[in-house]
C-alpha atoms as a PDB file:
ATOM      1  CA  MET A   1      33.107 -34.517  -6.467  1.00  0.00           C
ATOM      2  CA  GLY A   2      30.552 -33.402  -9.180  1.00  0.00           C
ATOM      3  CA  LYS A   3      30.054 -29.845 -10.523  1.00  0.00           C
ATOM      4  CA  LEU A   4      26.480 -29.870  -9.571  1.00  0.00           C
ATOM      5  CA  ASP A   5      26.940 -31.421  -6.330  1.00  0.00           C
ATOM      6  CA  GLY A   6      23.489 -30.865  -3.641  1.00  0.00           C
ATOM      7  CA  LYS A   7      21.805 -28.654  -6.427  1.00  0.00           C
ATOM      8  CA  VAL A   8      17.856 -30.273  -7.539  1.00  0.00           C
ATOM      9  CA  ALA A   9      17.379 -29.882 -11.282  1.00  0.00           C
ATOM     10  CA  LEU A  10      13.361 -29.641 -12.775  1.00  0.00           C
ATOM     11  CA  VAL A  11      14.370 -31.028 -16.789  1.00  0.00           C
ATOM     12  CA  THR A  12      11.116 -31.315 -18.691  1.00  0.00           C
ATOM     13  CA  GLY A  13      10.917 -33.362 -22.064  1.00  0.00           C
ATOM     14  CA  ALA A  14      13.395 -35.327 -20.654  1.00  0.00           C
ATOM     15  CA  GLY A  15      12.852 -38.282 -21.392  1.00  0.00           C
ATOM     16  CA  GLN A  16      14.614 -38.466 -24.589  1.00  0.00           C
ATOM     17  CA  GLY A  17      16.601 -36.444 -26.967  1.00  0.00           C
ATOM     18  CA  VAL A  18      17.664 -32.860 -25.739  1.00  0.00           C
ATOM     19  CA  GLY A  19      15.953 -33.112 -22.682  1.00  0.00           C
ATOM     20  CA  ARG A  20      17.264 -37.104 -21.555  1.00  0.00           C
ATOM     21  CA  GLY A  21      20.798 -35.508 -22.463  1.00  0.00           C
ATOM     22  CA  ILE A  22      21.101 -32.737 -20.663  1.00  0.00           C
ATOM     23  CA  ALA A  23      18.971 -34.798 -17.092  1.00  0.00           C
ATOM     24  CA  LEU A  24      21.946 -37.500 -18.320  1.00  0.00           C
ATOM     25  CA  ALA A  25      24.674 -34.792 -17.757  1.00  0.00           C
ATOM     26  CA  MET A  26      23.437 -32.902 -14.525  1.00  0.00           C
ATOM     27  CA  GLY A  27      22.776 -36.021 -12.712  1.00  0.00           C
ATOM     28  CA  ALA A  28      26.248 -37.021 -13.609  1.00  0.00           C
ATOM     29  CA  GLU A  29      27.706 -33.926 -11.748  1.00  0.00           C
ATOM     30  CA  GLY A  30      25.752 -34.380  -9.107  1.00  0.00           C
ATOM     31  CA  ALA A  31      22.017 -33.372  -8.978  1.00  0.00           C
ATOM     32  CA  ALA A  32      18.886 -34.172  -8.054  1.00  0.00           C
ATOM     33  CA  VAL A  33      17.225 -34.497 -11.471  1.00  0.00           C
ATOM     34  CA  ALA A  34      13.345 -34.322 -11.714  1.00  0.00           C
ATOM     35  CA  VAL A  35      12.325 -35.400 -15.073  1.00  0.00           C
ATOM     36  CA  LEU A  36       9.119 -34.733 -16.613  1.00  0.00           C
ATOM     37  CA  GLY A  37       7.558 -35.393 -19.652  1.00  0.00           C
ATOM     38  CA  ARG A  38       4.077 -37.453 -20.927  1.00  0.00           C
ATOM     39  CA  THR A  39       5.576 -40.824 -21.391  1.00  0.00           C
ATOM     40  CA  ALA A  40       6.435 -42.472 -17.756  1.00  0.00           C
ATOM     41  CA  GLN A  41       8.067 -45.311 -19.456  1.00  0.00           C
ATOM     42  CA  LYS A  42      10.973 -43.235 -20.890  1.00  0.00           C
ATOM     43  CA  LEU A  43      11.180 -40.986 -17.950  1.00  0.00           C
ATOM     44  CA  GLU A  44      11.687 -44.386 -15.703  1.00  0.00           C
ATOM     45  CA  GLU A  45      14.518 -45.347 -18.117  1.00  0.00           C
ATOM     46  CA  THR A  46      16.271 -41.364 -18.262  1.00  0.00           C
ATOM     47  CA  CYS A  47      15.940 -41.982 -14.252  1.00  0.00           C
ATOM     48  CA  ALA A  48      17.606 -45.972 -14.394  1.00  0.00           C
ATOM     49  CA  VAL A  49      20.689 -44.459 -15.956  1.00  0.00           C
ATOM     50  CA  ILE A  50      20.932 -41.807 -13.239  1.00  0.00           C
ATOM     51  CA  ARG A  51      21.010 -43.991 -10.660  1.00  0.00           C
ATOM     52  CA  GLY A  52      22.793 -46.491 -12.495  1.00  0.00           C
ATOM     53  CA  ARG A  53      25.364 -43.951 -11.794  1.00  0.00           C
ATOM     54  CA  GLY A  54      25.009 -43.453  -8.682  1.00  0.00           C
ATOM     55  CA  GLY A  55      22.711 -40.471  -8.843  1.00  0.00           C
ATOM     56  CA  ARG A  56      19.332 -39.386  -7.136  1.00  0.00           C
ATOM     57  CA  ALA A  57      16.518 -39.152  -9.916  1.00  0.00           C
ATOM     58  CA  LEU A  58      12.794 -38.372  -9.799  1.00  0.00           C
ATOM     59  CA  ALA A  59       9.741 -39.446 -12.632  1.00  0.00           C
ATOM     60  CA  VAL A  60       7.244 -36.695 -12.959  1.00  0.00           C
ATOM     61  CA  PRO A  61       4.353 -37.310 -15.531  1.00  0.00           C
ATOM     62  CA  CYS A  62       3.120 -34.143 -16.951  1.00  0.00           C
ATOM     63  CA  ASP A  63       1.629 -32.895 -19.827  1.00  0.00           C
ATOM     64  CA  VAL A  64       2.894 -29.409 -19.651  1.00  0.00           C
ATOM     65  CA  LYS A  65       0.210 -27.667 -21.716  1.00  0.00           C
ATOM     66  CA  ASP A  66      -1.823 -28.264 -18.368  1.00  0.00           C
ATOM     67  CA  ALA A  67      -1.274 -25.755 -15.686  1.00  0.00           C
ATOM     68  CA  ALA A  68      -2.698 -27.619 -12.792  1.00  0.00           C
ATOM     69  CA  ALA A  69      -0.537 -30.662 -13.755  1.00  0.00           C
ATOM     70  CA  LEU A  70       2.594 -28.414 -14.015  1.00  0.00           C
ATOM     71  CA  ALA A  71       1.772 -26.672 -10.118  1.00  0.00           C
ATOM     72  CA  ARG A  72       1.283 -30.353  -8.875  1.00  0.00           C
ATOM     73  CA  ALA A  73       4.388 -31.488 -10.296  1.00  0.00           C
ATOM     74  CA  VAL A  74       6.981 -28.265  -8.843  1.00  0.00           C
ATOM     75  CA  ALA A  75       4.762 -29.416  -5.907  1.00  0.00           C
ATOM     76  CA  ALA A  76       5.938 -33.500  -5.682  1.00  0.00           C
ATOM     77  CA  VAL A  77       9.607 -32.029  -6.968  1.00  0.00           C
ATOM     78  CA  THR A  78      10.353 -29.987  -4.097  1.00  0.00           C
ATOM     79  CA  GLY A  79       8.184 -31.811  -1.330  1.00  0.00           C
ATOM     80  CA  THR A  80      10.580 -35.064  -2.520  1.00  0.00           C
ATOM     81  CA  PHE A  81      13.951 -33.042  -2.844  1.00  0.00           C
ATOM     82  CA  GLY A  82      13.631 -30.351  -0.246  1.00  0.00           C
ATOM     83  CA  GLY A  83      13.922 -27.046  -3.017  1.00  0.00           C
ATOM     84  CA  LEU A  84      15.011 -26.355  -6.444  1.00  0.00           C
ATOM     85  CA  ASN A  85      18.136 -24.982  -7.985  1.00  0.00           C
ATOM     86  CA  ILE A  86      17.725 -25.497 -11.918  1.00  0.00           C
ATOM     87  CA  LEU A  87      14.686 -25.258 -13.865  1.00  0.00           C
ATOM     88  CA  VAL A  88      15.179 -26.275 -17.375  1.00  0.00           C
ATOM     89  CA  ASN A  89      12.113 -25.898 -20.004  1.00  0.00           C
ATOM     90  CA  ASN A  90      13.041 -28.420 -22.807  1.00  0.00           C
ATOM     91  CA  ALA A  91       9.534 -29.417 -23.478  1.00  0.00           C
ATOM     92  CA  GLN A  92       8.238 -28.672 -26.770  1.00  0.00           C
ATOM     93  CA  GLU A  93       5.245 -29.970 -29.461  1.00  0.00           C
ATOM     94  CA  VAL A  94       6.657 -29.057 -32.784  1.00  0.00           C
ATOM     95  CA  ALA A  95       4.563 -28.011 -35.576  1.00  0.00           C
ATOM     96  CA  LEU A  96       6.584 -27.679 -39.126  1.00  0.00           C
ATOM     97  CA  GLY A  97       4.486 -27.581 -42.907  1.00  0.00           C
ATOM     98  CA  PRO A  98       3.495 -24.690 -44.770  1.00  0.00           C
ATOM     99  CA  LEU A  99       1.250 -22.173 -43.048  1.00  0.00           C
ATOM    100  CA  MET A 100      -1.873 -23.151 -45.615  1.00  0.00           C
ATOM    101  CA  SER A 101      -1.047 -26.697 -43.716  1.00  0.00           C
ATOM    102  CA  VAL A 102      -0.423 -26.027 -39.969  1.00  0.00           C
ATOM    103  CA  THR A 103      -3.741 -26.052 -38.183  1.00  0.00           C
ATOM    104  CA  ASP A 104      -4.942 -24.000 -35.399  1.00  0.00           C
ATOM    105  CA  ASP A 105      -4.770 -26.771 -33.302  1.00  0.00           C
ATOM    106  CA  ALA A 106      -0.973 -27.739 -34.205  1.00  0.00           C
ATOM    107  CA  PHE A 107       0.034 -24.217 -33.568  1.00  0.00           C
ATOM    108  CA  ASP A 108      -2.141 -24.035 -30.392  1.00  0.00           C
ATOM    109  CA  ALA A 109       0.158 -27.065 -28.890  1.00  0.00           C
ATOM    110  CA  GLY A 110       3.170 -25.634 -30.034  1.00  0.00           C
ATOM    111  CA  TRP A 111       2.826 -22.502 -28.224  1.00  0.00           C
ATOM    112  CA  GLN A 112       1.041 -24.076 -25.136  1.00  0.00           C
ATOM    113  CA  SER A 113       4.180 -26.702 -24.778  1.00  0.00           C
ATOM    114  CA  GLY A 114       6.603 -24.010 -25.411  1.00  0.00           C
ATOM    115  CA  PRO A 115       6.508 -20.547 -24.204  1.00  0.00           C
ATOM    116  CA  MET A 116       3.418 -21.084 -22.379  1.00  0.00           C
ATOM    117  CA  ALA A 117       4.630 -24.049 -20.326  1.00  0.00           C
ATOM    118  CA  SER A 118       7.748 -21.820 -19.997  1.00  0.00           C
ATOM    119  CA  PHE A 119       6.126 -18.377 -18.433  1.00  0.00           C
ATOM    120  CA  ARG A 120       3.889 -20.792 -16.438  1.00  0.00           C
ATOM    121  CA  LEU A 121       6.955 -22.989 -14.869  1.00  0.00           C
ATOM    122  CA  MET A 122       9.487 -19.969 -13.909  1.00  0.00           C
ATOM    123  CA  LYS A 123       6.564 -17.846 -12.420  1.00  0.00           C
ATOM    124  CA  LEU A 124       5.959 -21.629 -10.143  1.00  0.00           C
ATOM    125  CA  CYS A 125       9.603 -22.047  -9.812  1.00  0.00           C
ATOM    126  CA  TYR A 126      10.427 -18.824  -8.799  1.00  0.00           C
ATOM    127  CA  PRO A 127       9.992 -18.800  -5.042  1.00  0.00           C
ATOM    128  CA  PHE A 128      12.785 -21.609  -5.012  1.00  0.00           C
ATOM    129  CA  LEU A 129      15.249 -20.261  -7.342  1.00  0.00           C
ATOM    130  CA  LYS A 130      15.534 -16.592  -5.420  1.00  0.00           C
ATOM    131  CA  GLY A 131      19.358 -16.755  -4.446  1.00  0.00           C
ATOM    132  CA  GLY A 132      21.304 -17.886  -6.766  1.00  0.00           C
ATOM    133  CA  GLY A 133      18.812 -20.277  -9.323  1.00  0.00           C
ATOM    134  CA  CYS A 134      19.273 -20.784 -12.815  1.00  0.00           C
ATOM    135  CA  ILE A 135      16.934 -21.586 -15.561  1.00  0.00           C
ATOM    136  CA  ILE A 136      17.458 -22.890 -19.094  1.00  0.00           C
ATOM    137  CA  ASN A 137      15.049 -22.391 -21.865  1.00  0.00           C
ATOM    138  CA  LEU A 138      15.385 -24.337 -25.280  1.00  0.00           C
ATOM    139  CA  GLY A 139      15.191 -21.922 -27.894  1.00  0.00           C
ATOM    140  CA  SER A 140      16.003 -22.776 -31.939  1.00  0.00           C
ATOM    141  CA  THR A 141      17.992 -21.220 -34.839  1.00  0.00           C
ATOM    142  CA  ALA A 142      15.224 -22.381 -36.944  1.00  0.00           C
ATOM    143  CA  ALA A 143      14.592 -18.036 -36.638  1.00  0.00           C
ATOM    144  CA  MET A 144      17.975 -17.619 -37.749  1.00  0.00           C
ATOM    145  CA  ARG A 145      17.265 -19.424 -40.832  1.00  0.00           C
ATOM    146  CA  TRP A 146      17.469 -17.831 -44.786  1.00  0.00           C
ATOM    147  CA  ASP A 147      14.607 -19.669 -46.007  1.00  0.00           C
ATOM    148  CA  TYR A 148      11.652 -20.103 -43.378  1.00  0.00           C
ATOM    149  CA  ALA A 149       9.591 -21.605 -45.580  1.00  0.00           C
ATOM    150  CA  TYR A 150       7.686 -24.604 -42.960  1.00  0.00           C
ATOM    151  CA  TYR A 151       9.160 -23.458 -40.095  1.00  0.00           C
ATOM    152  CA  GLY A 152       7.286 -20.555 -39.506  1.00  0.00           C
ATOM    153  CA  THR A 153       5.200 -21.492 -36.320  1.00  0.00           C
ATOM    154  CA  TYR A 154       8.472 -23.575 -35.636  1.00  0.00           C
ATOM    155  CA  ALA A 155      10.117 -20.450 -35.657  1.00  0.00           C
ATOM    156  CA  CYS A 156       7.718 -18.043 -33.959  1.00  0.00           C
ATOM    157  CA  VAL A 157       6.738 -19.472 -30.909  1.00  0.00           C
ATOM    158  CA  LYS A 158      10.811 -20.648 -30.297  1.00  0.00           C
ATOM    159  CA  GLU A 159      11.517 -16.757 -31.040  1.00  0.00           C
ATOM    160  CA  ALA A 160       8.751 -16.230 -27.972  1.00  0.00           C
ATOM    161  CA  ILE A 161      10.644 -18.183 -25.732  1.00  0.00           C
ATOM    162  CA  ARG A 162      13.667 -16.093 -26.355  1.00  0.00           C
ATOM    163  CA  SER A 163      11.704 -12.871 -25.373  1.00  0.00           C
ATOM    164  CA  LEU A 164      10.381 -14.301 -22.108  1.00  0.00           C
ATOM    165  CA  SER A 165      14.084 -15.622 -21.759  1.00  0.00           C
ATOM    166  CA  ARG A 166      15.407 -12.574 -21.905  1.00  0.00           C
ATOM    167  CA  ALA A 167      12.983 -10.441 -20.496  1.00  0.00           C
ATOM    168  CA  ALA A 168      12.857 -12.294 -17.091  1.00  0.00           C
ATOM    169  CA  ALA A 169      16.872 -12.440 -16.774  1.00  0.00           C
ATOM    170  CA  CYS A 170      16.517  -8.354 -16.762  1.00  0.00           C
ATOM    171  CA  GLU A 171      13.436  -8.646 -13.635  1.00  0.00           C
ATOM    172  CA  TRP A 172      14.874 -11.544 -11.610  1.00  0.00           C
ATOM    173  CA  ALA A 173      18.624 -10.166 -11.431  1.00  0.00           C
ATOM    174  CA  ARG A 174      18.277  -8.377  -8.652  1.00  0.00           C
ATOM    175  CA  ASP A 175      16.949 -11.905  -7.017  1.00  0.00           C
ATOM    176  CA  GLY A 176      20.125 -13.663  -8.153  1.00  0.00           C
ATOM    177  CA  ILE A 177      18.910 -15.710 -10.704  1.00  0.00           C
ATOM    178  CA  ARG A 178      20.534 -16.324 -13.690  1.00  0.00           C
ATOM    179  CA  ILE A 179      18.045 -17.372 -17.011  1.00  0.00           C
ATOM    180  CA  ASN A 180      19.708 -18.096 -20.646  1.00  0.00           C
ATOM    181  CA  CYS A 181      18.265 -19.740 -23.940  1.00  0.00           C
ATOM    182  CA  LEU A 182      20.074 -22.669 -25.249  1.00  0.00           C
ATOM    183  CA  LEU A 183      19.845 -23.235 -29.262  1.00  0.00           C
ATOM    184  CA  PRO A 184      21.055 -26.497 -29.818  1.00  0.00           C
ATOM    185  CA  CYS A 185      21.584 -28.760 -32.837  1.00  0.00           C
ATOM    186  CA  ALA A 186      21.272 -32.202 -31.310  1.00  0.00           C
ATOM    187  CA  ASP A 187      21.485 -36.154 -32.406  1.00  0.00           C
ATOM    188  CA  SER A 188      17.497 -35.657 -31.331  1.00  0.00           C
ATOM    189  CA  PRO A 189      15.466 -38.683 -32.263  1.00  0.00           C
ATOM    190  CA  ALA A 190      13.387 -36.375 -34.814  1.00  0.00           C
ATOM    191  CA  LEU A 191      16.998 -35.092 -36.502  1.00  0.00           C
ATOM    192  CA  MET A 192      18.430 -38.353 -37.196  1.00  0.00           C
ATOM    193  CA  SER A 193      15.287 -39.921 -38.228  1.00  0.00           C
ATOM    194  CA  TRP A 194      14.972 -37.688 -40.764  1.00  0.00           C
ATOM    195  CA  MET A 195      18.834 -37.870 -41.417  1.00  0.00           C
ATOM    196  CA  GLY A 196      18.269 -41.582 -41.837  1.00  0.00           C
ATOM    197  CA  THR A 197      15.121 -40.838 -44.598  1.00  0.00           C
ATOM    198  CA  ALA A 198      16.770 -37.875 -46.426  1.00  0.00           C
ATOM    199  CA  ILE A 199      18.476 -37.944 -49.705  1.00  0.00           C
ATOM    200  CA  ALA A 200      21.875 -38.110 -49.841  1.00  0.00           C
ATOM    201  CA  GLY A 201      22.249 -34.537 -50.856  1.00  0.00           C
ATOM    202  CA  ASP A 202      20.099 -32.964 -48.461  1.00  0.00           C
ATOM    203  CA  ARG A 203      21.891 -35.056 -45.597  1.00  0.00           C
ATOM    204  CA  GLU A 204      25.254 -33.595 -46.992  1.00  0.00           C
ATOM    205  CA  ALA A 205      24.135 -30.519 -47.281  1.00  0.00           C
ATOM    206  CA  PHE A 206      23.101 -30.221 -44.461  1.00  0.00           C
ATOM    207  CA  LEU A 207      26.213 -31.381 -42.584  1.00  0.00           C
ATOM    208  CA  LYS A 208      28.256 -29.060 -44.552  1.00  0.00           C
ATOM    209  CA  SER A 209      26.070 -26.645 -43.134  1.00  0.00           C
ATOM    210  CA  ILE A 210      27.853 -27.146 -39.781  1.00  0.00           C
ATOM    211  CA  PRO A 211      31.952 -25.661 -39.470  1.00  0.00           C
ATOM    212  CA  LEU A 212      32.327 -28.221 -37.275  1.00  0.00           C
ATOM    213  CA  GLY A 213      31.341 -31.325 -39.444  1.00  0.00           C
ATOM    214  CA  ARG A 214      28.978 -32.559 -37.270  1.00  0.00           C
ATOM    215  CA  VAL A 215      25.773 -32.873 -35.661  1.00  0.00           C
ATOM    216  CA  GLY A 216      25.941 -32.432 -31.508  1.00  0.00           C
ATOM    217  CA  ARG A 217      25.508 -35.351 -28.878  1.00  0.00           C
ATOM    218  CA  CYS A 218      22.794 -34.608 -26.883  1.00  0.00           C
ATOM    219  CA  GLU A 219      24.662 -35.272 -23.785  1.00  0.00           C
ATOM    220  CA  GLU A 220      28.622 -34.854 -24.057  1.00  0.00           C
ATOM    221  CA  ASP A 221      27.123 -31.722 -25.943  1.00  0.00           C
ATOM    222  CA  ILE A 222      24.875 -29.865 -25.051  1.00  0.00           C
ATOM    223  CA  GLY A 223      24.111 -31.478 -21.905  1.00  0.00           C
ATOM    224  CA  ARG A 224      27.749 -30.577 -20.604  1.00  0.00           C
ATOM    225  CA  PHE A 225      26.863 -27.380 -22.168  1.00  0.00           C
ATOM    226  CA  ALA A 226      24.051 -26.789 -19.983  1.00  0.00           C
ATOM    227  CA  VAL A 227      26.105 -28.040 -16.349  1.00  0.00           C
ATOM    228  CA  LEU A 228      28.586 -25.579 -17.848  1.00  0.00           C
ATOM    229  CA  LEU A 229      25.843 -22.242 -17.194  1.00  0.00           C
ATOM    230  CA  CYS A 230      24.613 -23.775 -13.967  1.00  0.00           C
ATOM    231  CA  THR A 231      28.014 -23.172 -12.310  1.00  0.00           C
ATOM    232  CA  SER A 232      29.658 -20.393 -11.158  1.00  0.00           C
ATOM    233  CA  GLU A 233      32.096 -20.527 -13.991  1.00  0.00           C
ATOM    234  CA  ALA A 234      29.331 -18.864 -15.644  1.00  0.00           C
ATOM    235  CA  GLY A 235      27.873 -16.693 -13.366  1.00  0.00           C
ATOM    236  CA  TYR A 236      28.120 -13.643 -15.365  1.00  0.00           C
ATOM    237  CA  VAL A 237      26.186 -14.919 -18.107  1.00  0.00           C
ATOM    238  CA  THR A 238      22.417 -14.193 -18.009  1.00  0.00           C
ATOM    239  CA  GLY A 239      19.949 -12.822 -20.616  1.00  0.00           C
ATOM    240  CA  GLN A 240      21.695 -14.829 -23.514  1.00  0.00           C
ATOM    241  CA  SER A 241      21.084 -16.637 -26.680  1.00  0.00           C
ATOM    242  CA  ILE A 242      23.764 -19.204 -26.863  1.00  0.00           C
ATOM    243  CA  ALA A 243      23.528 -21.527 -30.336  1.00  0.00           C
ATOM    244  CA  VAL A 244      24.878 -24.778 -29.259  1.00  0.00           C
ATOM    245  CA  ASP A 245      25.890 -25.765 -33.135  1.00  0.00           C
ATOM    246  CA  GLY A 246      28.870 -26.708 -34.009  1.00  0.00           C
ATOM    247  CA  GLY A 247      28.637 -23.080 -35.778  1.00  0.00           C
ATOM    248  CA  GLN A 248      25.726 -23.244 -38.461  1.00  0.00           C
ATOM    249  CA  ALA A 249      23.890 -20.742 -37.627  1.00  0.00           C
ATOM    250  CA  TYR A 250      24.561 -16.957 -38.365  1.00  0.00           C
ATOM    251  CA  PHE A 251      23.264 -16.008 -35.237  1.00  0.00           C
END
C-alpha cells in the first residue's frame, strides 16, 4: 500500500530536476501522476519510469505561461483520471544576473512562469481540491541570502509565490485545502552544472554552507518530503514555507 494510493497529482516542470523527483516519488507511493512541461520527450521519460515501477502517469505538454493551455491541461488531467487531489507548482523560468542586465522579457518570463502560472493553476484546480486536497508550491531560499546581488529578480518572483501560498492557505482552509511552500536545495541539472564548472573554492564554500554537508537529492530528499506533506501525518500543516536544504538557509 502506498501513502498516496487513490490520489491524483499534477506536477509542473516534471521533465527534469525537482519536478521530476517529486513526480517519481508520488508515483512510487501510488498516486496517478500527470506531468506537465514544455518538452514532450522529457515528460515521456518521467512517465516511463513511473510506469516501469507499476504506476500510472500522463504526459501533458504545456507552456505554463499560456493561460488557455493551463485550462486545457487541467481538463485533460481530470478527464483522464477522474479528478485531482494534489497540485505541485514547480515550473519556473529563471532570470539571474545584475539588475541592469536582466531584460524586461526575462523578468516577465520569470513572473509568468512562476507566480502567475501558480496563481492560475491554483484557481483552476480549486474545485477539484476542495474537501481534502493539497497544493505544494516551490519557492526558494534565494531571498534569505546574505547577498542579493544577481539574485534580485529571481528572489522577487519566488517571494511572490510564498505570499500567494500563505494567502491561499488562510482563505481555503475552510474548504479543506492545505497549501505549503517548499524551498529546496537539490541536485537539479542547473545546480549540478554550476558545481561542475565552478572553481574549487566556490564549490567547496557552497558545500560548507550546508550543515548536512551535501546537496539534496531530487527524489529521495525533496520528493519524499513532498509526499509526506500530502499525507494525513501532515494534516495540521498549512501556510508554511519549509526549507528542505540540509540546514543551509537562515530561515
